[in-house]
């Protein structure tokens, strides 16, 4: 198993990066988020996952451990392959992915190209408990808050309230994902409304 690659970034485009290590260029499939994160850097380190199939051997690399964990969770879902997982992680951050799963928001995944309603529902169904128990994939990854069942309930209630108030699912999810999910529901709603008001 290749845990990570570190070296000179010699190519970065179209969901692919190439990292040169000791004279060998390692081609890694990756998300748009990682491509953005490494853009302009001379030396990079990517956390990797080696996929071995009958017809292909592919290396996937990500800028953060959280994104790699999200990728591994997704490809563990029946019917979700590496290509679909990359599409999802190119459209949302690990924290937004965790929030959508924890709150049962399968609709947010159907907006991603190639992800149908049944696949989106399967992702939520199969990963909800895993995300709730996973301490390293957080609703707000930069602050390290884990998605506990109690926090997930608070977040879900806050999202429902915001939608009732006239905000779209995506607006509500975006605002709440930036907050500490351990806050009481009332505080989540109040702070989310303040954030949303700035953009209206």
N, C-alpha and C. Protein backbone atom coordinates (compact mmCIF):
# COMPACT_ATOMS: atom_id res chain seq x y z
N UNK A 1 0.84 -1.20 0.00
CA UNK A 1 0.00 0.00 0.00
C UNK A 1 0.88 1.25 0.00
N UNK A 2 0.57 2.19 -0.86
CA UNK A 2 1.30 3.46 -0.90
C UNK A 2 0.53 4.46 -0.04
N UNK A 3 1.11 4.85 1.10
CA UNK A 3 0.43 5.74 2.04
C UNK A 3 0.35 7.17 1.51
N UNK A 4 1.46 7.63 0.92
CA UNK A 4 1.50 9.01 0.42
C UNK A 4 2.62 9.15 -0.60
N UNK A 5 2.55 10.22 -1.38
CA UNK A 5 3.65 10.57 -2.28
C UNK A 5 4.02 12.03 -2.03
N UNK A 6 5.31 12.28 -2.05
CA UNK A 6 5.78 13.65 -1.83
C UNK A 6 6.88 13.96 -2.82
N UNK A 7 6.76 15.09 -3.49
CA UNK A 7 7.78 15.46 -4.45
C UNK A 7 7.39 16.67 -5.27
N UNK A 8 8.01 16.82 -6.41
CA UNK A 8 7.78 17.96 -7.29
C UNK A 8 6.50 17.77 -8.10
N UNK A 9 5.66 18.79 -8.10
CA UNK A 9 4.44 18.75 -8.90
C UNK A 9 4.79 19.10 -10.35
N UNK A 10 4.63 18.14 -11.26
CA UNK A 10 5.01 18.39 -12.65
C UNK A 10 3.81 18.47 -13.59
N UNK A 11 2.61 18.13 -13.08
CA UNK A 11 1.40 18.23 -13.92
C UNK A 11 0.19 18.32 -13.01
N UNK A 12 -0.75 19.18 -13.40
CA UNK A 12 -1.98 19.33 -12.61
C UNK A 12 -3.10 19.83 -13.51
N UNK A 13 -3.99 18.92 -13.90
CA UNK A 13 -5.08 19.30 -14.80
C UNK A 13 -6.05 18.14 -14.98
N UNK A 14 -7.33 18.48 -15.22
CA UNK A 14 -8.34 17.48 -15.58
C UNK A 14 -8.40 16.29 -14.61
N UNK A 15 -8.53 16.59 -13.31
CA UNK A 15 -8.65 15.56 -12.27
C UNK A 15 -7.44 14.66 -12.20
N UNK A 16 -6.29 15.15 -12.64
CA UNK A 16 -5.06 14.38 -12.59
C UNK A 16 -3.89 15.25 -12.15
N UNK A 17 -3.09 14.72 -11.24
CA UNK A 17 -1.84 15.38 -10.88
C UNK A 17 -0.72 14.36 -10.99
N UNK A 18 0.47 14.84 -11.34
CA UNK A 18 1.64 13.97 -11.41
C UNK A 18 2.70 14.53 -10.47
N UNK A 19 3.15 13.67 -9.55
CA UNK A 19 4.15 14.06 -8.57
C UNK A 19 5.41 13.26 -8.82
N UNK A 20 6.53 13.96 -9.01
CA UNK A 20 7.81 13.29 -9.27
C UNK A 20 8.53 13.02 -7.97
N UNK A 21 8.76 11.73 -7.69
CA UNK A 21 9.47 11.33 -6.47
C UNK A 21 10.69 10.49 -6.87
N UNK A 22 11.87 10.98 -6.54
CA UNK A 22 13.11 10.26 -6.84
C UNK A 22 13.20 9.86 -8.31
N UNK A 23 12.79 10.79 -9.18
CA UNK A 23 12.90 10.56 -10.61
C UNK A 23 11.75 9.80 -11.23
N UNK A 24 10.77 9.38 -10.40
CA UNK A 24 9.61 8.65 -10.91
C UNK A 24 8.37 9.52 -10.79
N UNK A 25 7.62 9.65 -11.89
CA UNK A 25 6.41 10.46 -11.86
C UNK A 25 5.20 9.60 -11.52
N UNK A 26 4.54 9.90 -10.41
CA UNK A 26 3.34 9.15 -9.99
C UNK A 26 2.09 9.91 -10.42
N UNK A 27 1.32 9.28 -11.30
CA UNK A 27 0.07 9.88 -11.75
C UNK A 27 -1.03 9.55 -10.76
N UNK A 28 -1.68 10.59 -10.24
CA UNK A 28 -2.74 10.40 -9.26
C UNK A 28 -4.04 11.02 -9.77
N UNK A 29 -5.11 10.24 -9.76
CA UNK A 29 -6.43 10.79 -10.01
C UNK A 29 -6.85 11.53 -8.75
N UNK A 30 -7.51 12.66 -8.91
CA UNK A 30 -7.87 13.44 -7.73
C UNK A 30 -9.08 14.31 -7.98
N UNK A 31 -9.46 15.06 -6.95
CA UNK A 31 -10.63 15.93 -7.04
C UNK A 31 -10.22 17.34 -7.44
N UNK A 32 -11.21 18.10 -7.86
CA UNK A 32 -10.97 19.50 -8.20
C UNK A 32 -10.49 20.27 -6.98
N UNK A 33 -10.97 19.88 -5.80
CA UNK A 33 -10.57 20.54 -4.56
C UNK A 33 -9.07 20.41 -4.32
N UNK A 34 -8.54 19.20 -4.54
CA UNK A 34 -7.11 18.99 -4.35
C UNK A 34 -6.30 19.72 -5.41
N UNK A 35 -6.78 19.72 -6.65
CA UNK A 35 -6.08 20.45 -7.71
C UNK A 35 -5.98 21.93 -7.36
N UNK A 36 -7.07 22.49 -6.82
CA UNK A 36 -7.04 23.88 -6.38
C UNK A 36 -6.06 24.08 -5.23
N UNK A 37 -6.03 23.12 -4.31
CA UNK A 37 -5.17 23.24 -3.12
C UNK A 37 -3.69 23.22 -3.47
N UNK A 38 -3.30 22.48 -4.50
CA UNK A 38 -1.88 22.35 -4.84
C UNK A 38 -1.46 23.30 -5.96
N UNK A 39 -2.42 24.01 -6.53
CA UNK A 39 -2.10 24.91 -7.65
C UNK A 39 -1.00 25.90 -7.26
N UNK A 40 0.02 25.99 -8.09
CA UNK A 40 1.10 26.95 -7.86
C UNK A 40 2.20 26.45 -6.93
N UNK A 41 2.04 25.28 -6.35
CA UNK A 41 3.04 24.74 -5.44
C UNK A 41 4.12 23.98 -6.22
N UNK A 42 5.36 24.08 -5.76
CA UNK A 42 6.44 23.34 -6.41
C UNK A 42 6.53 21.92 -5.85
N UNK A 43 6.45 21.80 -4.53
CA UNK A 43 6.50 20.49 -3.89
C UNK A 43 5.19 20.22 -3.17
N UNK A 44 4.68 19.02 -3.31
CA UNK A 44 3.39 18.68 -2.69
C UNK A 44 3.48 17.31 -2.01
N UNK A 45 2.55 17.07 -1.11
CA UNK A 45 2.39 15.74 -0.54
C UNK A 45 0.92 15.36 -0.64
N UNK A 46 0.65 14.19 -1.18
CA UNK A 46 -0.71 13.71 -1.32
C UNK A 46 -0.88 12.40 -0.57
N UNK A 47 -2.01 12.27 0.12
CA UNK A 47 -2.37 11.02 0.78
C UNK A 47 -3.05 10.15 -0.27
N UNK A 48 -2.65 8.91 -0.38
CA UNK A 48 -3.05 8.12 -1.53
C UNK A 48 -3.85 6.86 -1.22
N UNK A 49 -4.55 6.43 -2.25
CA UNK A 49 -5.28 5.16 -2.22
C UNK A 49 -4.99 4.43 -3.53
N UNK A 50 -4.51 3.20 -3.43
CA UNK A 50 -4.18 2.41 -4.61
C UNK A 50 -5.35 1.48 -4.93
N UNK A 51 -5.91 1.65 -6.11
CA UNK A 51 -7.04 0.83 -6.55
C UNK A 51 -6.55 -0.20 -7.56
N UNK A 52 -6.75 -1.49 -7.23
CA UNK A 52 -6.31 -2.57 -8.12
C UNK A 52 -7.54 -3.34 -8.61
N UNK A 53 -7.78 -3.28 -9.91
CA UNK A 53 -8.89 -4.02 -10.51
C UNK A 53 -8.34 -4.91 -11.62
N UNK A 54 -9.19 -5.75 -12.15
CA UNK A 54 -8.75 -6.67 -13.20
C UNK A 54 -8.26 -5.92 -14.43
N UNK A 55 -8.92 -4.78 -14.72
CA UNK A 55 -8.59 -4.06 -15.95
C UNK A 55 -7.77 -2.79 -15.73
N UNK A 56 -7.45 -2.47 -14.48
CA UNK A 56 -6.70 -1.22 -14.25
C UNK A 56 -6.10 -1.16 -12.85
N UNK A 57 -4.98 -0.47 -12.76
CA UNK A 57 -4.35 -0.15 -11.47
C UNK A 57 -4.24 1.37 -11.44
N UNK A 58 -4.93 2.01 -10.49
CA UNK A 58 -4.95 3.46 -10.42
C UNK A 58 -4.56 3.95 -9.04
N UNK A 59 -3.87 5.07 -9.02
CA UNK A 59 -3.48 5.71 -7.77
C UNK A 59 -4.29 6.99 -7.61
N UNK A 60 -4.94 7.14 -6.47
CA UNK A 60 -5.73 8.34 -6.18
C UNK A 60 -5.01 9.11 -5.07
N UNK A 61 -4.94 10.42 -5.22
CA UNK A 61 -4.23 11.23 -4.23
C UNK A 61 -5.03 12.45 -3.81
N UNK A 62 -4.91 12.78 -2.52
CA UNK A 62 -5.69 13.90 -1.98
C UNK A 62 -4.84 14.76 -1.06
N UNK A 63 -5.17 16.05 -1.02
CA UNK A 63 -4.38 17.00 -0.25
C UNK A 63 -4.54 16.83 1.26
N UNK A 64 -5.68 16.26 1.71
CA UNK A 64 -5.92 16.09 3.14
C UNK A 64 -6.36 14.66 3.46
N UNK A 65 -6.12 14.27 4.70
CA UNK A 65 -6.55 12.95 5.16
C UNK A 65 -8.07 12.86 5.17
N UNK A 66 -8.73 13.99 5.47
CA UNK A 66 -10.19 14.01 5.51
C UNK A 66 -10.79 13.67 4.15
N UNK A 67 -10.18 14.22 3.09
CA UNK A 67 -10.70 13.94 1.76
C UNK A 67 -10.46 12.48 1.37
N UNK A 68 -9.31 11.95 1.76
CA UNK A 68 -9.02 10.55 1.48
C UNK A 68 -10.01 9.64 2.22
N UNK A 69 -10.30 9.95 3.48
CA UNK A 69 -11.26 9.15 4.24
C UNK A 69 -12.65 9.21 3.61
N UNK A 70 -13.03 10.40 3.15
CA UNK A 70 -14.32 10.55 2.49
C UNK A 70 -14.37 9.70 1.22
N UNK A 71 -13.28 9.72 0.46
CA UNK A 71 -13.19 8.94 -0.78
C UNK A 71 -13.34 7.45 -0.48
N UNK A 72 -12.65 6.97 0.55
CA UNK A 72 -12.72 5.55 0.89
C UNK A 72 -14.11 5.15 1.38
N UNK A 73 -14.77 6.05 2.11
CA UNK A 73 -16.14 5.79 2.53
C UNK A 73 -17.05 5.65 1.32
N UNK A 74 -16.90 6.56 0.38
CA UNK A 74 -17.77 6.58 -0.79
C UNK A 74 -17.60 5.34 -1.66
N UNK A 75 -16.36 4.92 -1.91
CA UNK A 75 -16.17 3.76 -2.78
C UNK A 75 -16.57 2.47 -2.07
N UNK A 76 -16.81 2.55 -0.76
CA UNK A 76 -17.30 1.39 -0.02
C UNK A 76 -18.80 1.21 -0.14
N UNK A 77 -19.46 2.21 -0.72
CA UNK A 77 -20.90 2.14 -0.93
C UNK A 77 -21.21 1.36 -2.20
N UNK A 78 -22.15 0.44 -2.12
CA UNK A 78 -22.53 -0.37 -3.28
C UNK A 78 -22.97 0.52 -4.44
N UNK A 79 -22.34 0.34 -5.59
CA UNK A 79 -22.71 1.11 -6.77
C UNK A 79 -21.98 2.42 -6.94
N UNK A 80 -21.10 2.76 -6.00
CA UNK A 80 -20.33 4.01 -6.11
C UNK A 80 -18.87 3.66 -6.39
N UNK A 81 -18.43 3.98 -7.58
CA UNK A 81 -17.05 3.71 -7.97
C UNK A 81 -16.16 4.92 -7.76
N UNK A 82 -14.88 4.77 -8.05
CA UNK A 82 -13.93 5.88 -7.89
C UNK A 82 -14.32 7.14 -8.67
N UNK A 83 -14.83 6.96 -9.89
CA UNK A 83 -15.20 8.12 -10.71
C UNK A 83 -16.31 8.93 -10.06
N UNK A 84 -17.34 8.24 -9.54
CA UNK A 84 -18.44 8.93 -8.86
C UNK A 84 -17.96 9.59 -7.59
N UNK A 85 -17.08 8.90 -6.85
CA UNK A 85 -16.55 9.46 -5.60
C UNK A 85 -15.76 10.74 -5.87
N UNK A 86 -14.97 10.73 -6.94
CA UNK A 86 -14.20 11.93 -7.31
C UNK A 86 -15.15 13.07 -7.69
N UNK A 87 -16.22 12.75 -8.40
CA UNK A 87 -17.19 13.78 -8.78
C UNK A 87 -17.81 14.43 -7.55
N UNK A 88 -18.16 13.60 -6.56
CA UNK A 88 -18.75 14.13 -5.34
C UNK A 88 -17.77 15.02 -4.60
N UNK A 89 -16.52 14.58 -4.46
CA UNK A 89 -15.53 15.35 -3.73
C UNK A 89 -15.04 16.57 -4.51
N UNK A 90 -15.32 16.60 -5.80
CA UNK A 90 -15.02 17.79 -6.60
C UNK A 90 -16.10 18.84 -6.43
N UNK A 91 -17.26 18.39 -5.93
CA UNK A 91 -18.41 19.30 -5.77
C UNK A 91 -18.63 19.76 -4.33
N UNK A 92 -18.03 19.07 -3.38
CA UNK A 92 -18.21 19.47 -1.98
C UNK A 92 -16.97 19.11 -1.16
N UNK A 93 -16.79 19.82 -0.07
CA UNK A 93 -15.67 19.54 0.83
C UNK A 93 -16.01 18.34 1.70
N UNK A 94 -15.03 17.72 2.35
CA UNK A 94 -15.32 16.63 3.27
C UNK A 94 -16.33 17.02 4.34
N UNK A 95 -16.25 18.26 4.83
CA UNK A 95 -17.19 18.70 5.87
C UNK A 95 -18.60 18.83 5.32
N UNK A 96 -18.74 19.31 4.09
CA UNK A 96 -20.07 19.41 3.47
C UNK A 96 -20.62 18.03 3.16
N UNK A 97 -19.76 17.13 2.74
CA UNK A 97 -20.15 15.74 2.49
C UNK A 97 -20.67 15.10 3.78
N UNK A 98 -19.93 15.28 4.88
CA UNK A 98 -20.32 14.71 6.16
C UNK A 98 -21.64 15.30 6.65
N UNK A 99 -21.81 16.59 6.45
CA UNK A 99 -23.04 17.26 6.87
C UNK A 99 -24.24 16.72 6.10
N UNK A 100 -24.09 16.56 4.80
CA UNK A 100 -25.20 16.06 3.97
C UNK A 100 -25.59 14.64 4.39
N UNK A 101 -24.58 13.81 4.65
CA UNK A 101 -24.86 12.44 5.07
C UNK A 101 -25.50 12.40 6.45
N UNK A 102 -24.93 13.16 7.39
CA UNK A 102 -25.40 13.15 8.77
C UNK A 102 -26.83 13.65 8.90
N UNK A 103 -27.22 14.57 8.02
CA UNK A 103 -28.57 15.14 8.10
C UNK A 103 -29.55 14.47 7.12
N UNK A 104 -29.08 13.44 6.41
CA UNK A 104 -29.97 12.74 5.48
C UNK A 104 -30.31 13.53 4.24
N UNK A 105 -29.46 14.47 3.87
CA UNK A 105 -29.72 15.35 2.73
C UNK A 105 -29.24 14.69 1.43
N UNK A 106 -29.95 13.67 0.98
CA UNK A 106 -29.56 12.97 -0.25
C UNK A 106 -29.76 13.84 -1.48
N UNK A 107 -30.65 14.82 -1.39
CA UNK A 107 -30.94 15.69 -2.54
C UNK A 107 -29.70 16.46 -2.98
N UNK A 108 -28.82 16.79 -2.04
CA UNK A 108 -27.63 17.55 -2.41
C UNK A 108 -26.71 16.75 -3.32
N UNK A 109 -26.73 15.42 -3.20
CA UNK A 109 -25.88 14.58 -4.05
C UNK A 109 -26.46 14.42 -5.45
N UNK A 110 -27.78 14.51 -5.58
CA UNK A 110 -28.40 14.34 -6.90
C UNK A 110 -28.09 15.52 -7.82
N UNK A 111 -27.61 16.62 -7.26
CA UNK A 111 -27.25 17.79 -8.08
C UNK A 111 -25.89 17.59 -8.75
N UNK A 112 -25.20 16.53 -8.35
CA UNK A 112 -23.88 16.25 -8.91
C UNK A 112 -24.02 15.35 -10.14
N UNK A 113 -23.34 15.69 -11.20
CA UNK A 113 -23.44 14.95 -12.45
C UNK A 113 -23.09 13.48 -12.24
N UNK A 114 -23.97 12.60 -12.71
CA UNK A 114 -23.71 11.17 -12.62
C UNK A 114 -24.24 10.50 -11.36
N UNK A 115 -24.80 11.28 -10.45
CA UNK A 115 -25.33 10.72 -9.20
C UNK A 115 -26.86 10.78 -9.25
N UNK A 116 -27.50 9.62 -9.35
CA UNK A 116 -28.95 9.56 -9.40
C UNK A 116 -29.55 9.50 -8.01
N UNK A 117 -30.88 9.56 -7.96
CA UNK A 117 -31.58 9.58 -6.67
C UNK A 117 -31.33 8.32 -5.86
N UNK A 118 -31.35 7.15 -6.51
CA UNK A 118 -31.15 5.90 -5.78
C UNK A 118 -29.74 5.81 -5.20
N UNK A 119 -28.75 6.23 -5.99
CA UNK A 119 -27.37 6.21 -5.51
C UNK A 119 -27.20 7.18 -4.35
N UNK A 120 -27.80 8.36 -4.46
CA UNK A 120 -27.70 9.36 -3.39
C UNK A 120 -28.32 8.84 -2.10
N UNK A 121 -29.47 8.19 -2.21
CA UNK A 121 -30.13 7.63 -1.03
C UNK A 121 -29.31 6.51 -0.42
N UNK A 122 -28.66 5.73 -1.28
CA UNK A 122 -27.83 4.64 -0.79
C UNK A 122 -26.61 5.18 -0.03
N UNK A 123 -26.03 6.27 -0.53
CA UNK A 123 -24.89 6.89 0.15
C UNK A 123 -25.27 7.31 1.56
N UNK A 124 -26.40 7.98 1.69
CA UNK A 124 -26.86 8.44 3.00
C UNK A 124 -27.18 7.26 3.91
N UNK A 125 -27.88 6.27 3.37
CA UNK A 125 -28.30 5.11 4.17
C UNK A 125 -27.10 4.32 4.68
N UNK A 126 -26.12 4.07 3.81
CA UNK A 126 -24.99 3.22 4.19
C UNK A 126 -23.92 3.96 5.00
N UNK A 127 -23.86 5.28 4.87
CA UNK A 127 -22.77 6.01 5.53
C UNK A 127 -23.18 6.83 6.76
N UNK A 128 -24.48 6.95 7.00
CA UNK A 128 -24.93 7.83 8.09
C UNK A 128 -24.31 7.45 9.43
N UNK A 129 -24.36 6.17 9.77
CA UNK A 129 -23.80 5.73 11.05
C UNK A 129 -22.28 5.86 11.06
N UNK A 130 -21.64 5.57 9.93
CA UNK A 130 -20.18 5.66 9.86
C UNK A 130 -19.70 7.10 10.05
N UNK A 131 -20.39 8.04 9.41
CA UNK A 131 -20.02 9.45 9.54
C UNK A 131 -20.24 9.93 10.97
N UNK A 132 -21.32 9.48 11.60
CA UNK A 132 -21.62 9.88 12.97
C UNK A 132 -20.55 9.39 13.95
N UNK A 133 -19.97 8.22 13.65
CA UNK A 133 -18.98 7.63 14.56
C UNK A 133 -17.55 8.05 14.22
N UNK A 134 -17.35 8.57 13.01
CA UNK A 134 -16.01 8.92 12.53
C UNK A 134 -15.54 10.22 13.15
N UNK A 135 -14.46 10.16 13.90
CA UNK A 135 -13.97 11.36 14.60
C UNK A 135 -13.12 12.27 13.74
N UNK A 136 -12.63 11.77 12.60
CA UNK A 136 -11.70 12.59 11.82
C UNK A 136 -12.34 13.24 10.62
N UNK A 137 -13.56 12.85 10.27
CA UNK A 137 -14.29 13.57 9.23
C UNK A 137 -15.34 14.39 9.95
N UNK A 138 -15.24 15.70 9.85
CA UNK A 138 -16.08 16.55 10.66
C UNK A 138 -16.98 17.44 9.83
N UNK A 139 -18.04 17.93 10.47
CA UNK A 139 -18.91 18.89 9.82
C UNK A 139 -18.14 20.17 9.56
N UNK A 140 -17.22 20.49 10.43
CA UNK A 140 -16.39 21.66 10.23
C UNK A 140 -14.94 21.24 10.42
N UNK A 141 -14.37 20.69 9.33
CA UNK A 141 -13.08 20.05 9.41
C UNK A 141 -11.97 20.90 9.97
N UNK A 142 -11.97 22.23 9.69
CA UNK A 142 -10.88 23.07 10.15
C UNK A 142 -10.88 23.24 11.65
N UNK A 143 -12.01 23.02 12.30
CA UNK A 143 -12.08 23.17 13.74
C UNK A 143 -12.07 21.82 14.46
N UNK A 144 -12.21 20.73 13.69
CA UNK A 144 -12.11 19.41 14.28
C UNK A 144 -13.33 18.95 15.04
N UNK A 145 -14.50 19.44 14.74
CA UNK A 145 -15.71 19.00 15.43
C UNK A 145 -16.24 17.73 14.77
N UNK A 146 -16.44 16.70 15.55
CA UNK A 146 -16.99 15.46 15.02
C UNK A 146 -18.51 15.55 14.95
N UNK A 147 -19.09 14.79 14.04
CA UNK A 147 -20.54 14.77 13.89
C UNK A 147 -21.12 13.71 14.80
N UNK A 148 -21.55 14.07 15.98
CA UNK A 148 -22.17 13.13 16.89
C UNK A 148 -23.64 13.02 16.55
N UNK A 149 -24.32 11.96 16.98
CA UNK A 149 -25.75 11.84 16.71
C UNK A 149 -26.55 13.03 17.22
N UNK A 150 -26.19 13.53 18.42
CA UNK A 150 -26.91 14.68 19.00
C UNK A 150 -26.69 15.92 18.15
N UNK A 151 -25.44 16.13 17.71
CA UNK A 151 -25.14 17.29 16.88
C UNK A 151 -25.86 17.18 15.54
N UNK A 152 -25.92 15.97 15.00
CA UNK A 152 -26.60 15.77 13.73
C UNK A 152 -28.08 16.14 13.84
N UNK A 153 -28.70 15.82 14.98
CA UNK A 153 -30.10 16.17 15.20
C UNK A 153 -30.27 17.69 15.25
N UNK A 154 -29.35 18.37 15.96
CA UNK A 154 -29.41 19.83 16.04
C UNK A 154 -29.29 20.46 14.66
N UNK A 155 -28.34 19.95 13.88
CA UNK A 155 -28.10 20.48 12.55
C UNK A 155 -29.33 20.24 11.65
N UNK A 156 -29.90 19.05 11.74
CA UNK A 156 -31.06 18.73 10.92
C UNK A 156 -32.23 19.65 11.24
N UNK A 157 -32.47 19.91 12.54
CA UNK A 157 -33.55 20.81 12.95
C UNK A 157 -33.31 22.23 12.44
N UNK A 158 -32.04 22.66 12.52
CA UNK A 158 -31.70 24.01 12.05
C UNK A 158 -31.91 24.13 10.55
N UNK A 159 -31.51 23.10 9.80
CA UNK A 159 -31.69 23.12 8.35
C UNK A 159 -33.18 23.17 7.98
N UNK A 160 -33.97 22.39 8.68
CA UNK A 160 -35.42 22.38 8.43
C UNK A 160 -36.02 23.75 8.67
N UNK A 161 -35.60 24.39 9.77
CA UNK A 161 -36.12 25.72 10.11
C UNK A 161 -35.74 26.75 9.04
N UNK A 162 -34.53 26.68 8.54
CA UNK A 162 -34.07 27.63 7.53
C UNK A 162 -34.83 27.46 6.22
N UNK A 163 -35.12 26.21 5.87
CA UNK A 163 -35.89 25.96 4.64
C UNK A 163 -37.31 26.49 4.79
N UNK A 164 -37.89 26.30 5.98
CA UNK A 164 -39.23 26.82 6.26
C UNK A 164 -39.25 28.35 6.14
N UNK A 165 -38.13 28.96 6.50
CA UNK A 165 -38.03 30.42 6.43
C UNK A 165 -37.80 30.93 5.01
N UNK A 166 -37.69 30.01 4.06
CA UNK A 166 -37.60 30.43 2.66
C UNK A 166 -36.26 30.25 1.98
N UNK A 167 -35.28 29.70 2.70
CA UNK A 167 -33.97 29.48 2.08
C UNK A 167 -33.94 28.11 1.39
N UNK A 168 -33.13 28.00 0.36
CA UNK A 168 -33.03 26.73 -0.36
C UNK A 168 -32.20 25.74 0.46
N UNK A 169 -32.28 24.46 0.09
CA UNK A 169 -31.49 23.44 0.78
C UNK A 169 -30.00 23.75 0.71
N UNK A 170 -29.54 24.17 -0.47
CA UNK A 170 -28.11 24.45 -0.64
C UNK A 170 -27.67 25.66 0.18
N UNK A 171 -28.51 26.70 0.23
CA UNK A 171 -28.18 27.89 1.03
C UNK A 171 -28.10 27.53 2.51
N UNK A 172 -29.08 26.75 2.97
CA UNK A 172 -29.11 26.36 4.38
C UNK A 172 -27.91 25.49 4.73
N UNK A 173 -27.62 24.50 3.88
CA UNK A 173 -26.49 23.60 4.13
C UNK A 173 -25.17 24.35 4.15
N UNK A 174 -25.00 25.27 3.20
CA UNK A 174 -23.76 26.04 3.13
C UNK A 174 -23.55 26.88 4.39
N UNK A 175 -24.61 27.52 4.87
CA UNK A 175 -24.50 28.38 6.06
C UNK A 175 -24.23 27.56 7.31
N UNK A 176 -24.94 26.46 7.49
CA UNK A 176 -24.80 25.65 8.70
C UNK A 176 -23.47 24.89 8.73
N UNK A 177 -22.95 24.52 7.56
CA UNK A 177 -21.70 23.76 7.52
C UNK A 177 -20.51 24.55 8.03
N UNK A 178 -20.64 25.88 8.09
CA UNK A 178 -19.55 26.74 8.58
C UNK A 178 -19.59 26.93 10.09
N UNK A 179 -20.62 26.37 10.74
CA UNK A 179 -20.81 26.58 12.17
C UNK A 179 -20.41 25.37 12.99
N UNK A 180 -20.24 25.58 14.28
CA UNK A 180 -19.95 24.51 15.23
C UNK A 180 -21.23 23.71 15.46
N UNK A 181 -21.29 22.44 15.01
CA UNK A 181 -22.53 21.67 15.12
C UNK A 181 -22.92 21.31 16.55
N UNK A 182 -22.03 21.55 17.51
CA UNK A 182 -22.37 21.25 18.90
C UNK A 182 -23.20 22.37 19.54
N UNK A 183 -23.40 23.47 18.80
CA UNK A 183 -24.23 24.56 19.32
C UNK A 183 -25.70 24.12 19.41
N UNK A 184 -26.47 24.72 20.31
CA UNK A 184 -27.90 24.43 20.37
C UNK A 184 -28.57 24.81 19.05
N UNK A 185 -29.69 24.20 18.76
CA UNK A 185 -30.40 24.45 17.51
C UNK A 185 -30.69 25.94 17.32
N UNK A 186 -31.12 26.60 18.39
CA UNK A 186 -31.47 28.03 18.30
C UNK A 186 -30.27 28.87 17.88
N UNK A 187 -29.09 28.53 18.43
CA UNK A 187 -27.88 29.28 18.09
C UNK A 187 -27.47 29.02 16.64
N UNK A 188 -27.62 27.77 16.21
CA UNK A 188 -27.29 27.44 14.82
C UNK A 188 -28.16 28.26 13.86
N UNK A 189 -29.44 28.34 14.17
CA UNK A 189 -30.36 29.09 13.31
C UNK A 189 -30.01 30.57 13.30
N UNK A 190 -29.76 31.11 14.49
CA UNK A 190 -29.45 32.54 14.62
C UNK A 190 -28.19 32.90 13.83
N UNK A 191 -27.12 32.13 14.03
CA UNK A 191 -25.85 32.43 13.37
C UNK A 191 -25.95 32.20 11.86
N UNK A 192 -26.69 31.17 11.46
CA UNK A 192 -26.87 30.91 10.02
C UNK A 192 -27.64 32.05 9.36
N UNK A 193 -28.67 32.55 10.04
CA UNK A 193 -29.44 33.67 9.49
C UNK A 193 -28.58 34.91 9.32
N UNK A 194 -27.70 35.15 10.29
CA UNK A 194 -26.79 36.30 10.20
C UNK A 194 -25.87 36.16 9.00
N UNK A 195 -25.37 34.92 8.78
CA UNK A 195 -24.49 34.67 7.66
C UNK A 195 -25.21 34.82 6.32
N UNK A 196 -26.42 34.27 6.26
CA UNK A 196 -27.20 34.33 5.01
C UNK A 196 -27.63 35.76 4.68
N UNK A 197 -27.87 36.56 5.69
CA UNK A 197 -28.32 37.94 5.48
C UNK A 197 -27.28 38.77 4.76
N UNK A 198 -26.01 38.40 4.91
CA UNK A 198 -24.92 39.15 4.26
C UNK A 198 -24.94 38.99 2.76
N UNK A 199 -25.55 37.91 2.29
CA UNK A 199 -25.53 37.62 0.85
C UNK A 199 -26.86 37.91 0.17
N UNK A 200 -27.74 38.59 0.87
CA UNK A 200 -29.05 38.94 0.29
C UNK A 200 -29.26 40.43 0.29
